[in-house]
Amino acid sequence: MRDTVDSTAFNSEQGNRARKLFAAVVLAALDDAIADDKKYGNGPEQIARWARSRDGREVLSCAGIDPNERVVTGLMEFVSKGVRTSVALSREESERRNAAVAAGHAEAA
């Protein structure tokens, strides 16, 4: 019985590691598209082409992301904002965005 529980926990942990690895690939693809957007001006089109490709759909699925058109649109919007993923995921950026939203609500009231 104990061996079964251990192997199930091990397999679950391995699955989580694999999902995180594929999520890192998605983040790298976003950063590449942002760099393309700054250099050539075609970043959103590049990420959309990648996300709609067979490989892109496979990577998104393995990362736990449903590869539908809504996701492609969201990826394109993210790239068009031009904020690198490392900055967008940082605590400082999150606090800055929350402060901007709070200030917007205070002005509206």
N, C-alpha and C. Protein backbone atom coordinates (compact mmCIF):
# COMPACT_ATOMS: atom_id res chain seq x y z
N MET A 1 0.83 -1.20 0.00
CA MET A 1 0.00 0.00 0.00
C MET A 1 0.87 1.26 0.00
N ARG A 2 1.88 1.25 0.83
CA ARG A 2 2.75 2.42 0.94
C ARG A 2 3.46 2.71 -0.39
N ASP A 3 3.88 1.65 -1.07
CA ASP A 3 4.56 1.84 -2.35
C ASP A 3 3.64 2.50 -3.37
N THR A 4 2.36 2.15 -3.36
CA THR A 4 1.40 2.72 -4.29
C THR A 4 1.23 4.21 -4.04
N VAL A 5 1.13 4.60 -2.77
CA VAL A 5 0.99 6.01 -2.41
C VAL A 5 2.23 6.79 -2.79
N ASP A 6 3.39 6.22 -2.52
CA ASP A 6 4.65 6.89 -2.86
C ASP A 6 4.78 7.07 -4.37
N SER A 7 4.43 6.05 -5.14
CA SER A 7 4.57 6.17 -6.59
C SER A 7 3.56 7.16 -7.16
N THR A 8 2.36 7.21 -6.58
CA THR A 8 1.36 8.18 -7.03
C THR A 8 1.83 9.61 -6.74
N ALA A 9 2.36 9.84 -5.55
CA ALA A 9 2.88 11.16 -5.19
C ALA A 9 4.06 11.53 -6.09
N PHE A 10 4.92 10.56 -6.37
CA PHE A 10 6.07 10.82 -7.23
C PHE A 10 5.61 11.19 -8.64
N ASN A 11 4.64 10.44 -9.18
CA ASN A 11 4.14 10.73 -10.52
C ASN A 11 3.46 12.08 -10.58
N SER A 12 2.72 12.43 -9.55
CA SER A 12 2.06 13.74 -9.51
C SER A 12 3.09 14.85 -9.49
N GLU A 13 4.12 14.67 -8.68
CA GLU A 13 5.17 15.69 -8.60
C GLU A 13 5.91 15.82 -9.93
N GLN A 14 6.17 14.69 -10.59
CA GLN A 14 6.82 14.73 -11.90
C GLN A 14 5.95 15.47 -12.91
N GLY A 15 4.64 15.25 -12.86
CA GLY A 15 3.71 15.96 -13.74
C GLY A 15 3.74 17.45 -13.51
N ASN A 16 3.78 17.84 -12.24
CA ASN A 16 3.84 19.27 -11.92
C ASN A 16 5.14 19.89 -12.42
N ARG A 17 6.24 19.16 -12.30
CA ARG A 17 7.52 19.66 -12.81
C ARG A 17 7.48 19.84 -14.32
N ALA A 18 6.89 18.88 -15.00
CA ALA A 18 6.80 18.96 -16.46
C ALA A 18 5.93 20.14 -16.87
N ARG A 19 4.83 20.37 -16.16
CA ARG A 19 3.94 21.49 -16.46
C ARG A 19 4.68 22.81 -16.28
N LYS A 20 5.47 22.92 -15.22
CA LYS A 20 6.25 24.14 -14.99
C LYS A 20 7.29 24.34 -16.08
N LEU A 21 7.89 23.25 -16.54
CA LEU A 21 8.87 23.35 -17.61
C LEU A 21 8.23 23.89 -18.89
N PHE A 22 7.06 23.37 -19.24
CA PHE A 22 6.38 23.85 -20.44
C PHE A 22 5.87 25.28 -20.26
N ALA A 23 5.49 25.65 -19.03
CA ALA A 23 5.10 27.04 -18.77
C ALA A 23 6.28 27.97 -19.00
N ALA A 24 7.48 27.52 -18.63
CA ALA A 24 8.68 28.32 -18.87
C ALA A 24 8.93 28.49 -20.37
N VAL A 25 8.61 27.48 -21.16
CA VAL A 25 8.75 27.58 -22.61
C VAL A 25 7.78 28.62 -23.15
N VAL A 26 6.56 28.64 -22.62
CA VAL A 26 5.57 29.64 -23.05
C VAL A 26 6.07 31.05 -22.71
N LEU A 27 6.61 31.22 -21.51
CA LEU A 27 7.14 32.53 -21.12
C LEU A 27 8.30 32.94 -22.02
N ALA A 28 9.15 31.99 -22.39
CA ALA A 28 10.27 32.30 -23.29
C ALA A 28 9.74 32.71 -24.67
N ALA A 29 8.69 32.04 -25.14
CA ALA A 29 8.10 32.40 -26.43
C ALA A 29 7.52 33.80 -26.37
N LEU A 30 6.91 34.16 -25.25
CA LEU A 30 6.38 35.51 -25.09
C LEU A 30 7.51 36.54 -25.12
N ASP A 31 8.59 36.26 -24.40
CA ASP A 31 9.73 37.19 -24.40
C ASP A 31 10.34 37.33 -25.80
N ASP A 32 10.41 36.22 -26.53
CA ASP A 32 10.92 36.30 -27.91
C ASP A 32 10.02 37.15 -28.79
N ALA A 33 8.71 36.99 -28.61
CA ALA A 33 7.77 37.78 -29.41
C ALA A 33 7.85 39.26 -29.05
N ILE A 34 8.05 39.55 -27.77
CA ILE A 34 8.20 40.95 -27.34
C ILE A 34 9.46 41.55 -27.96
N ALA A 35 10.54 40.77 -27.98
CA ALA A 35 11.78 41.25 -28.60
C ALA A 35 11.58 41.47 -30.10
N ASP A 36 10.86 40.56 -30.75
CA ASP A 36 10.55 40.74 -32.18
C ASP A 36 9.71 41.99 -32.40
N ASP A 37 8.78 42.24 -31.48
CA ASP A 37 7.91 43.40 -31.62
C ASP A 37 8.72 44.69 -31.53
N LYS A 38 9.67 44.73 -30.61
CA LYS A 38 10.51 45.93 -30.46
C LYS A 38 11.45 46.10 -31.65
N LYS A 39 11.93 44.99 -32.20
CA LYS A 39 12.91 45.06 -33.27
C LYS A 39 12.26 45.19 -34.65
N TYR A 40 11.23 44.38 -34.90
CA TYR A 40 10.63 44.34 -36.24
C TYR A 40 9.19 44.82 -36.29
N GLY A 41 8.53 44.93 -35.12
CA GLY A 41 7.15 45.40 -35.08
C GLY A 41 6.11 44.34 -35.40
N ASN A 42 6.49 43.06 -35.34
CA ASN A 42 5.54 42.00 -35.67
C ASN A 42 5.37 40.97 -34.55
N GLY A 43 5.58 41.38 -33.31
CA GLY A 43 5.51 40.47 -32.17
C GLY A 43 4.17 39.78 -31.99
N PRO A 44 3.05 40.55 -31.97
CA PRO A 44 1.76 39.88 -31.79
C PRO A 44 1.45 38.86 -32.88
N GLU A 45 1.83 39.15 -34.11
CA GLU A 45 1.60 38.20 -35.19
C GLU A 45 2.46 36.95 -35.01
N GLN A 46 3.70 37.14 -34.52
CA GLN A 46 4.59 36.00 -34.29
C GLN A 46 4.06 35.07 -33.22
N ILE A 47 3.60 35.64 -32.09
CA ILE A 47 3.10 34.78 -31.01
C ILE A 47 1.80 34.10 -31.43
N ALA A 48 0.98 34.79 -32.21
CA ALA A 48 -0.27 34.17 -32.69
C ALA A 48 0.05 33.02 -33.63
N ARG A 49 1.01 33.21 -34.51
CA ARG A 49 1.40 32.14 -35.44
C ARG A 49 1.93 30.94 -34.67
N TRP A 50 2.76 31.21 -33.65
CA TRP A 50 3.31 30.13 -32.84
C TRP A 50 2.21 29.41 -32.07
N ALA A 51 1.32 30.16 -31.42
CA ALA A 51 0.28 29.56 -30.59
C ALA A 51 -0.72 28.75 -31.41
N ARG A 52 -0.91 29.13 -32.67
CA ARG A 52 -1.84 28.39 -33.53
C ARG A 52 -1.17 27.21 -34.22
N SER A 53 0.17 27.17 -34.17
CA SER A 53 0.89 26.07 -34.82
C SER A 53 0.70 24.79 -34.00
N ARG A 54 1.02 23.68 -34.64
CA ARG A 54 0.89 22.39 -33.96
C ARG A 54 1.79 22.32 -32.73
N ASP A 55 3.03 22.77 -32.88
CA ASP A 55 3.97 22.76 -31.74
C ASP A 55 3.50 23.69 -30.63
N GLY A 56 3.03 24.87 -31.00
CA GLY A 56 2.56 25.82 -30.01
C GLY A 56 1.37 25.29 -29.23
N ARG A 57 0.43 24.69 -29.94
CA ARG A 57 -0.73 24.11 -29.25
C ARG A 57 -0.32 23.00 -28.30
N GLU A 58 0.65 22.19 -28.73
CA GLU A 58 1.15 21.10 -27.89
C GLU A 58 1.82 21.65 -26.63
N VAL A 59 2.65 22.67 -26.78
CA VAL A 59 3.34 23.27 -25.62
C VAL A 59 2.33 23.90 -24.68
N LEU A 60 1.37 24.64 -25.22
CA LEU A 60 0.35 25.24 -24.37
C LEU A 60 -0.44 24.18 -23.61
N SER A 61 -0.80 23.11 -24.28
CA SER A 61 -1.54 22.02 -23.62
C SER A 61 -0.71 21.40 -22.51
N CYS A 62 0.56 21.15 -22.78
CA CYS A 62 1.43 20.55 -21.76
C CYS A 62 1.67 21.50 -20.59
N ALA A 63 1.54 22.80 -20.83
CA ALA A 63 1.69 23.79 -19.75
C ALA A 63 0.40 23.93 -18.95
N GLY A 64 -0.65 23.24 -19.38
CA GLY A 64 -1.92 23.32 -18.67
C GLY A 64 -2.79 24.47 -19.15
N ILE A 65 -2.52 24.98 -20.35
CA ILE A 65 -3.27 26.09 -20.92
C ILE A 65 -4.07 25.57 -22.10
N ASP A 66 -5.36 25.84 -22.12
CA ASP A 66 -6.21 25.39 -23.22
C ASP A 66 -5.89 26.24 -24.45
N PRO A 67 -5.40 25.63 -25.53
CA PRO A 67 -4.96 26.42 -26.69
C PRO A 67 -6.13 26.84 -27.59
N ASN A 68 -6.97 27.74 -27.08
CA ASN A 68 -8.10 28.21 -27.88
C ASN A 68 -7.84 29.63 -28.36
N GLU A 69 -8.76 30.16 -29.15
CA GLU A 69 -8.56 31.47 -29.76
C GLU A 69 -8.53 32.59 -28.72
N ARG A 70 -9.25 32.42 -27.62
CA ARG A 70 -9.23 33.42 -26.55
C ARG A 70 -7.83 33.54 -25.95
N VAL A 71 -7.17 32.41 -25.79
CA VAL A 71 -5.81 32.41 -25.26
C VAL A 71 -4.86 33.10 -26.25
N VAL A 72 -5.04 32.81 -27.54
CA VAL A 72 -4.20 33.44 -28.56
C VAL A 72 -4.37 34.95 -28.52
N THR A 73 -5.60 35.41 -28.39
CA THR A 73 -5.87 36.85 -28.31
C THR A 73 -5.20 37.45 -27.07
N GLY A 74 -5.27 36.76 -25.95
CA GLY A 74 -4.63 37.24 -24.73
C GLY A 74 -3.12 37.31 -24.86
N LEU A 75 -2.53 36.31 -25.50
CA LEU A 75 -1.09 36.33 -25.72
C LEU A 75 -0.69 37.50 -26.62
N MET A 76 -1.50 37.74 -27.64
CA MET A 76 -1.21 38.87 -28.54
C MET A 76 -1.30 40.20 -27.80
N GLU A 77 -2.30 40.36 -26.94
CA GLU A 77 -2.44 41.59 -26.16
C GLU A 77 -1.26 41.77 -25.22
N PHE A 78 -0.82 40.67 -24.59
CA PHE A 78 0.31 40.73 -23.68
C PHE A 78 1.56 41.20 -24.42
N VAL A 79 1.80 40.62 -25.59
CA VAL A 79 2.98 41.00 -26.37
C VAL A 79 2.89 42.45 -26.81
N SER A 80 1.70 42.90 -27.20
CA SER A 80 1.56 44.28 -27.69
C SER A 80 1.81 45.30 -26.58
N LYS A 81 1.63 44.92 -25.32
CA LYS A 81 1.94 45.83 -24.21
C LYS A 81 3.44 46.03 -24.06
N GLY A 82 4.23 45.05 -24.48
CA GLY A 82 5.68 45.20 -24.47
C GLY A 82 6.35 45.05 -23.13
N VAL A 83 5.68 44.50 -22.15
CA VAL A 83 6.27 44.31 -20.82
C VAL A 83 6.84 42.90 -20.75
N ARG A 84 8.14 42.79 -20.48
CA ARG A 84 8.78 41.48 -20.39
C ARG A 84 8.11 40.64 -19.31
N THR A 85 8.13 39.33 -19.48
CA THR A 85 7.45 38.44 -18.54
C THR A 85 8.07 38.53 -17.14
N SER A 86 9.37 38.68 -17.06
CA SER A 86 10.02 38.77 -15.75
C SER A 86 9.55 40.01 -15.00
N VAL A 87 9.33 41.09 -15.72
CA VAL A 87 8.85 42.33 -15.10
C VAL A 87 7.37 42.19 -14.76
N ALA A 88 6.59 41.63 -15.67
CA ALA A 88 5.14 41.50 -15.46
C ALA A 88 4.83 40.59 -14.28
N LEU A 89 5.68 39.61 -14.03
CA LEU A 89 5.44 38.67 -12.94
C LEU A 89 6.08 39.11 -11.62
N SER A 90 6.76 40.23 -11.63
CA SER A 90 7.44 40.68 -10.41
C SER A 90 6.45 41.31 -9.43
N ARG A 91 6.82 41.30 -8.19
CA ARG A 91 5.98 41.86 -7.13
C ARG A 91 5.83 43.37 -7.30
N GLU A 92 6.90 44.05 -7.69
CA GLU A 92 6.85 45.51 -7.84
C GLU A 92 5.85 45.92 -8.92
N GLU A 93 5.86 45.20 -10.03
CA GLU A 93 4.94 45.52 -11.12
C GLU A 93 3.49 45.28 -10.67
N SER A 94 3.28 44.20 -9.94
CA SER A 94 1.94 43.89 -9.44
C SER A 94 1.45 44.98 -8.49
N GLU A 95 2.32 45.42 -7.60
CA GLU A 95 1.95 46.49 -6.67
C GLU A 95 1.69 47.79 -7.41
N ARG A 96 2.48 48.09 -8.44
CA ARG A 96 2.28 49.30 -9.22
C ARG A 96 0.93 49.28 -9.93
N ARG A 97 0.59 48.13 -10.53
CA ARG A 97 -0.70 48.01 -11.22
C ARG A 97 -1.86 48.14 -10.24
N ASN A 98 -1.74 47.51 -9.08
CA ASN A 98 -2.80 47.61 -8.07
C ASN A 98 -2.97 49.04 -7.58
N ALA A 99 -1.86 49.76 -7.41
CA ALA A 99 -1.93 51.16 -6.98
C ALA A 99 -2.60 52.01 -8.05
N ALA A 100 -2.30 51.73 -9.32
CA ALA A 100 -2.92 52.49 -10.42
C ALA A 100 -4.42 52.23 -10.47
N VAL A 101 -4.82 50.99 -10.24
CA VAL A 101 -6.26 50.65 -10.24
C VAL A 101 -6.94 51.34 -9.06
N ALA A 102 -6.31 51.31 -7.89
CA ALA A 102 -6.89 51.96 -6.71
C ALA A 102 -7.02 53.46 -6.93
N ALA A 103 -6.02 54.08 -7.55
CA ALA A 103 -6.08 55.52 -7.82
C ALA A 103 -7.19 55.82 -8.82
N GLY A 104 -7.38 54.96 -9.79
CA GLY A 104 -8.46 55.13 -10.76
C GLY A 104 -9.83 55.04 -10.11
N HIS A 105 -9.97 54.13 -9.16
CA HIS A 105 -11.25 54.00 -8.44
C HIS A 105 -11.50 55.21 -7.52
N ALA A 106 -10.41 55.74 -6.93
CA ALA A 106 -10.55 56.90 -6.06
C ALA A 106 -10.96 58.13 -6.86
N GLU A 107 -10.43 58.29 -8.08
CA GLU A 107 -10.78 59.42 -8.91
C GLU A 107 -12.23 59.33 -9.40
N ALA A 108 -12.68 58.10 -9.64
CA ALA A 108 -14.05 57.90 -10.16
C ALA A 108 -15.09 58.17 -9.07
N ALA A 109 -14.69 58.00 -7.81
CA ALA A 109 -15.65 58.18 -6.70
C ALA A 109 -15.84 59.59 -6.30
